[in-house]
């Protein structure tokens, strides 16, 4: 059996985790407002 490292480079231990957010897939506030306006009186907004 050959022992292999868990990571190629050592990671720093800190109290924080890093999240990678793809900004291409996130809606802008303007797009959210348009969706809310268009969805008024539809089943999706009746729950809200």
PDB file of N, CA and C in Angstrom:
ATOM      1  N   UNK A   1       0.848  -1.172   0.000  1.00  0.00           N
ATOM      2  CA  UNK A   1       0.000   0.000   0.000  1.00  0.00           C
ATOM      3  C   UNK A   1       0.893   1.234   0.000  1.00  0.00           C
ATOM      4  N   UNK A   2       0.523   2.217  -0.825  1.00  0.00           N
ATOM      5  CA  UNK A   2       1.297   3.446  -0.939  1.00  0.00           C
ATOM      6  C   UNK A   2       0.490   4.581  -0.318  1.00  0.00           C
ATOM      7  N   UNK A   3       1.111   5.304   0.616  1.00  0.00           N
ATOM      8  CA  UNK A   3       0.439   6.438   1.240  1.00  0.00           C
ATOM      9  C   UNK A   3       0.486   7.656   0.332  1.00  0.00           C
ATOM     10  N   UNK A   4      -0.671   8.245   0.048  1.00  0.00           N
ATOM     11  CA  UNK A   4      -0.748   9.436  -0.794  1.00  0.00           C
ATOM     12  C   UNK A   4      -1.264  10.612   0.032  1.00  0.00           C
ATOM     13  N   UNK A   5      -0.786  11.809  -0.254  1.00  0.00           N
ATOM     14  CA  UNK A   5      -1.294  12.977   0.477  1.00  0.00           C
ATOM     15  C   UNK A   5      -2.752  13.239   0.120  1.00  0.00           C
ATOM     16  N   UNK A   6      -3.501  13.819   1.045  1.00  0.00           N
ATOM     17  CA  UNK A   6      -4.912  14.114   0.807  1.00  0.00           C
ATOM     18  C   UNK A   6      -5.082  15.303  -0.129  1.00  0.00           C
ATOM     19  N   UNK A   7      -4.147  16.232  -0.117  1.00  0.00           N
ATOM     20  CA  UNK A   7      -4.216  17.400  -0.990  1.00  0.00           C
ATOM     21  C   UNK A   7      -2.842  17.639  -1.592  1.00  0.00           C
ATOM     22  N   UNK A   8      -2.822  18.228  -2.780  1.00  0.00           N
ATOM     23  CA  UNK A   8      -1.546  18.490  -3.431  1.00  0.00           C
ATOM     24  C   UNK A   8      -0.732  19.528  -2.673  1.00  0.00           C
ATOM     25  N   UNK A   9      -1.421  20.538  -2.150  1.00  0.00           N
ATOM     26  CA  UNK A   9      -0.732  21.546  -1.354  1.00  0.00           C
ATOM     27  C   UNK A   9      -1.457  21.693  -0.025  1.00  0.00           C
ATOM     28  N   UNK A  10      -0.750  21.932   1.020  1.00  0.00           N
ATOM     29  CA  UNK A  10      -1.411  22.047   2.327  1.00  0.00           C
ATOM     30  C   UNK A  10      -2.348  23.248   2.367  1.00  0.00           C
ATOM     31  N   UNK A  11      -3.514  23.033   2.936  1.00  0.00           N
ATOM     32  CA  UNK A  11      -4.485  24.108   3.065  1.00  0.00           C
ATOM     33  C   UNK A  11      -4.355  24.740   4.444  1.00  0.00           C
ATOM     34  N   UNK A  12      -4.515  26.055   4.469  1.00  0.00           N
ATOM     35  CA  UNK A  12      -4.423  26.755   5.748  1.00  0.00           C
ATOM     36  C   UNK A  12      -5.693  26.496   6.542  1.00  0.00           C
ATOM     37  N   UNK A  13      -5.505  26.239   7.820  1.00  0.00           N
ATOM     38  CA  UNK A  13      -6.655  26.049   8.693  1.00  0.00           C
ATOM     39  C   UNK A  13      -7.104  27.405   9.209  1.00  0.00           C
ATOM     40  N   UNK A  14      -8.357  27.733   8.959  1.00  0.00           N
ATOM     41  CA  UNK A  14      -8.907  28.986   9.466  1.00  0.00           C
ATOM     42  C   UNK A  14     -10.360  28.734   9.851  1.00  0.00           C
ATOM     43  N   UNK A  15     -10.954  29.685  10.488  1.00  0.00           N
ATOM     44  CA  UNK A  15     -12.340  29.548  10.903  1.00  0.00           C
ATOM     45  C   UNK A  15     -13.326  29.792   9.778  1.00  0.00           C
ATOM     46  N   UNK A  16     -12.828  30.113   8.593  1.00  0.00           N
ATOM     47  CA  UNK A  16     -13.704  30.462   7.484  1.00  0.00           C
ATOM     48  C   UNK A  16     -13.591  29.434   6.373  1.00  0.00           C
ATOM     49  N   UNK A  17     -14.684  29.250   5.647  1.00  0.00           N
ATOM     50  CA  UNK A  17     -14.676  28.402   4.464  1.00  0.00           C
ATOM     51  C   UNK A  17     -14.841  29.287   3.243  1.00  0.00           C
ATOM     52  N   UNK A  18     -14.296  28.859   2.154  1.00  0.00           N
ATOM     53  CA  UNK A  18     -14.374  29.631   0.920  1.00  0.00           C
ATOM     54  C   UNK A  18     -15.454  29.029   0.034  1.00  0.00           C
ATOM     55  N   UNK A  19     -16.327  29.872  -0.470  1.00  0.00           N
ATOM     56  CA  UNK A  19     -17.355  29.443  -1.422  1.00  0.00           C
ATOM     57  C   UNK A  19     -17.085  30.114  -2.755  1.00  0.00           C
ATOM     58  N   UNK A  20     -17.090  29.323  -3.800  1.00  0.00           N
ATOM     59  CA  UNK A  20     -16.942  29.870  -5.140  1.00  0.00           C
ATOM     60  C   UNK A  20     -18.342  30.067  -5.719  1.00  0.00           C
ATOM     61  N   UNK A  21     -18.661  31.303  -6.080  1.00  0.00           N
ATOM     62  CA  UNK A  21     -19.977  31.641  -6.603  1.00  0.00           C
ATOM     63  C   UNK A  21     -19.821  32.041  -8.063  1.00  0.00           C
ATOM     64  N   UNK A  22     -20.555  31.340  -8.921  1.00  0.00           N
ATOM     65  CA  UNK A  22     -20.520  31.659 -10.338  1.00  0.00           C
ATOM     66  C   UNK A  22     -21.477  32.825 -10.584  1.00  0.00           C
ATOM     67  N   UNK A  23     -20.937  34.000 -10.797  1.00  0.00           N
ATOM     68  CA  UNK A  23     -21.763  35.189 -10.949  1.00  0.00           C
ATOM     69  C   UNK A  23     -22.537  35.191 -12.265  1.00  0.00           C
ATOM     70  N   UNK A  24     -22.179  34.313 -13.193  1.00  0.00           N
ATOM     71  CA  UNK A  24     -22.921  34.224 -14.454  1.00  0.00           C
ATOM     72  C   UNK A  24     -24.293  33.588 -14.248  1.00  0.00           C
ATOM     73  N   UNK A  25     -24.463  32.816 -13.160  1.00  0.00           N
ATOM     74  CA  UNK A  25     -25.711  32.104 -12.916  1.00  0.00           C
ATOM     75  C   UNK A  25     -26.605  32.793 -11.884  1.00  0.00           C
ATOM     76  N   UNK A  26     -26.199  33.947 -11.391  1.00  0.00           N
ATOM     77  CA  UNK A  26     -26.952  34.644 -10.348  1.00  0.00           C
ATOM     78  C   UNK A  26     -27.793  35.748 -10.988  1.00  0.00           C
ATOM     79  N   UNK A  27     -29.046  35.855 -10.560  1.00  0.00           N
ATOM     80  CA  UNK A  27     -29.921  36.907 -11.070  1.00  0.00           C
ATOM     81  C   UNK A  27     -29.590  38.230 -10.404  1.00  0.00           C
ATOM     82  N   UNK A  28     -29.738  39.305 -11.184  1.00  0.00           N
ATOM     83  CA  UNK A  28     -29.557  40.639 -10.608  1.00  0.00           C
ATOM     84  C   UNK A  28     -30.841  41.033  -9.886  1.00  0.00           C
ATOM     85  N   UNK A  29     -30.767  42.072  -9.081  1.00  0.00           N
ATOM     86  CA  UNK A  29     -31.941  42.536  -8.348  1.00  0.00           C
ATOM     87  C   UNK A  29     -33.036  42.971  -9.328  1.00  0.00           C
ATOM     88  N   UNK A  30     -32.641  43.592 -10.424  1.00  0.00           N
ATOM     89  CA  UNK A  30     -33.605  44.020 -11.434  1.00  0.00           C
ATOM     90  C   UNK A  30     -34.324  42.816 -12.052  1.00  0.00           C
ATOM     91  N   UNK A  31     -33.591  41.749 -12.328  1.00  0.00           N
ATOM     92  CA  UNK A  31     -34.200  40.541 -12.890  1.00  0.00           C
ATOM     93  C   UNK A  31     -35.165  39.898 -11.898  1.00  0.00           C
ATOM     94  N   UNK A  32     -34.821  39.917 -10.618  1.00  0.00           N
ATOM     95  CA  UNK A  32     -35.700  39.348  -9.586  1.00  0.00           C
ATOM     96  C   UNK A  32     -36.980  40.157  -9.486  1.00  0.00           C
ATOM     97  N   UNK A  33     -36.858  41.480  -9.543  1.00  0.00           N
ATOM     98  CA  UNK A  33     -38.041  42.336  -9.481  1.00  0.00           C
ATOM     99  C   UNK A  33     -38.963  42.084 -10.675  1.00  0.00           C
ATOM    100  N   UNK A  34     -38.395  41.912 -11.851  1.00  0.00           N
ATOM    101  CA  UNK A  34     -39.202  41.628 -13.040  1.00  0.00           C
ATOM    102  C   UNK A  34     -39.919  40.291 -12.884  1.00  0.00           C
ATOM    103  N   UNK A  35     -39.221  39.281 -12.391  1.00  0.00           N
ATOM    104  CA  UNK A  35     -39.851  37.973 -12.175  1.00  0.00           C
ATOM    105  C   UNK A  35     -41.002  38.073 -11.182  1.00  0.00           C
ATOM    106  N   UNK A  36     -40.812  38.832 -10.109  1.00  0.00           N
ATOM    107  CA  UNK A  36     -41.876  38.986  -9.115  1.00  0.00           C
ATOM    108  C   UNK A  36     -43.084  39.713  -9.700  1.00  0.00           C
ATOM    109  N   UNK A  37     -42.831  40.744 -10.491  1.00  0.00           N
ATOM    110  CA  UNK A  37     -43.933  41.475 -11.111  1.00  0.00           C
ATOM    111  C   UNK A  37     -44.711  40.582 -12.080  1.00  0.00           C
ATOM    112  N   UNK A  38     -44.003  39.830 -12.897  1.00  0.00           N
ATOM    113  CA  UNK A  38     -44.644  38.968 -13.897  1.00  0.00           C
ATOM    114  C   UNK A  38     -45.376  37.795 -13.250  1.00  0.00           C
ATOM    115  N   UNK A  39     -44.967  37.413 -12.049  1.00  0.00           N
ATOM    116  CA  UNK A  39     -45.568  36.240 -11.416  1.00  0.00           C
ATOM    117  C   UNK A  39     -46.719  36.587 -10.466  1.00  0.00           C
ATOM    118  N   UNK A  40     -47.078  37.856 -10.389  1.00  0.00           N
ATOM    119  CA  UNK A  40     -48.205  38.240  -9.527  1.00  0.00           C
ATOM    120  C   UNK A  40     -49.466  37.519  -9.981  1.00  0.00           C
ATOM    121  N   UNK A  41     -50.283  37.128  -9.000  1.00  0.00           N
ATOM    122  CA  UNK A  41     -51.532  36.410  -9.260  1.00  0.00           C
ATOM    123  C   UNK A  41     -51.324  35.065  -9.950  1.00  0.00           C
ATOM    124  N   UNK A  42     -50.186  34.464  -9.731  1.00  0.00           N
ATOM    125  CA  UNK A  42     -49.928  33.110 -10.227  1.00  0.00           C
ATOM    126  C   UNK A  42     -49.762  32.211  -9.002  1.00  0.00           C
ATOM    127  N   UNK A  43     -49.872  30.901  -9.185  1.00  0.00           N
ATOM    128  CA  UNK A  43     -49.752  29.994  -8.029  1.00  0.00           C
ATOM    129  C   UNK A  43     -48.435  30.143  -7.253  1.00  0.00           C
ATOM    130  N   UNK A  44     -47.386  30.559  -7.926  1.00  0.00           N
ATOM    131  CA  UNK A  44     -46.094  30.661  -7.235  1.00  0.00           C
ATOM    132  C   UNK A  44     -46.122  31.777  -6.188  1.00  0.00           C
ATOM    133  N   UNK A  45     -46.839  32.876  -6.446  1.00  0.00           N
ATOM    134  CA  UNK A  45     -46.864  33.980  -5.473  1.00  0.00           C
ATOM    135  C   UNK A  45     -47.980  33.841  -4.452  1.00  0.00           C
ATOM    136  N   UNK A  46     -48.895  32.918  -4.659  1.00  0.00           N
ATOM    137  CA  UNK A  46     -49.947  32.703  -3.676  1.00  0.00           C
ATOM    138  C   UNK A  46     -49.381  32.110  -2.386  1.00  0.00           C
ATOM    139  N   UNK A  47     -48.273  31.394  -2.499  1.00  0.00           N
ATOM    140  CA  UNK A  47     -47.628  30.798  -1.345  1.00  0.00           C
ATOM    141  C   UNK A  47     -46.931  31.877  -0.520  1.00  0.00           C
ATOM    142  N   UNK A  48     -46.392  32.887  -1.203  1.00  0.00           N
ATOM    143  CA  UNK A  48     -45.691  33.976  -0.519  1.00  0.00           C
ATOM    144  C   UNK A  48     -46.696  34.825   0.149  1.00  0.00           C
TER     145      UNK A  48
END
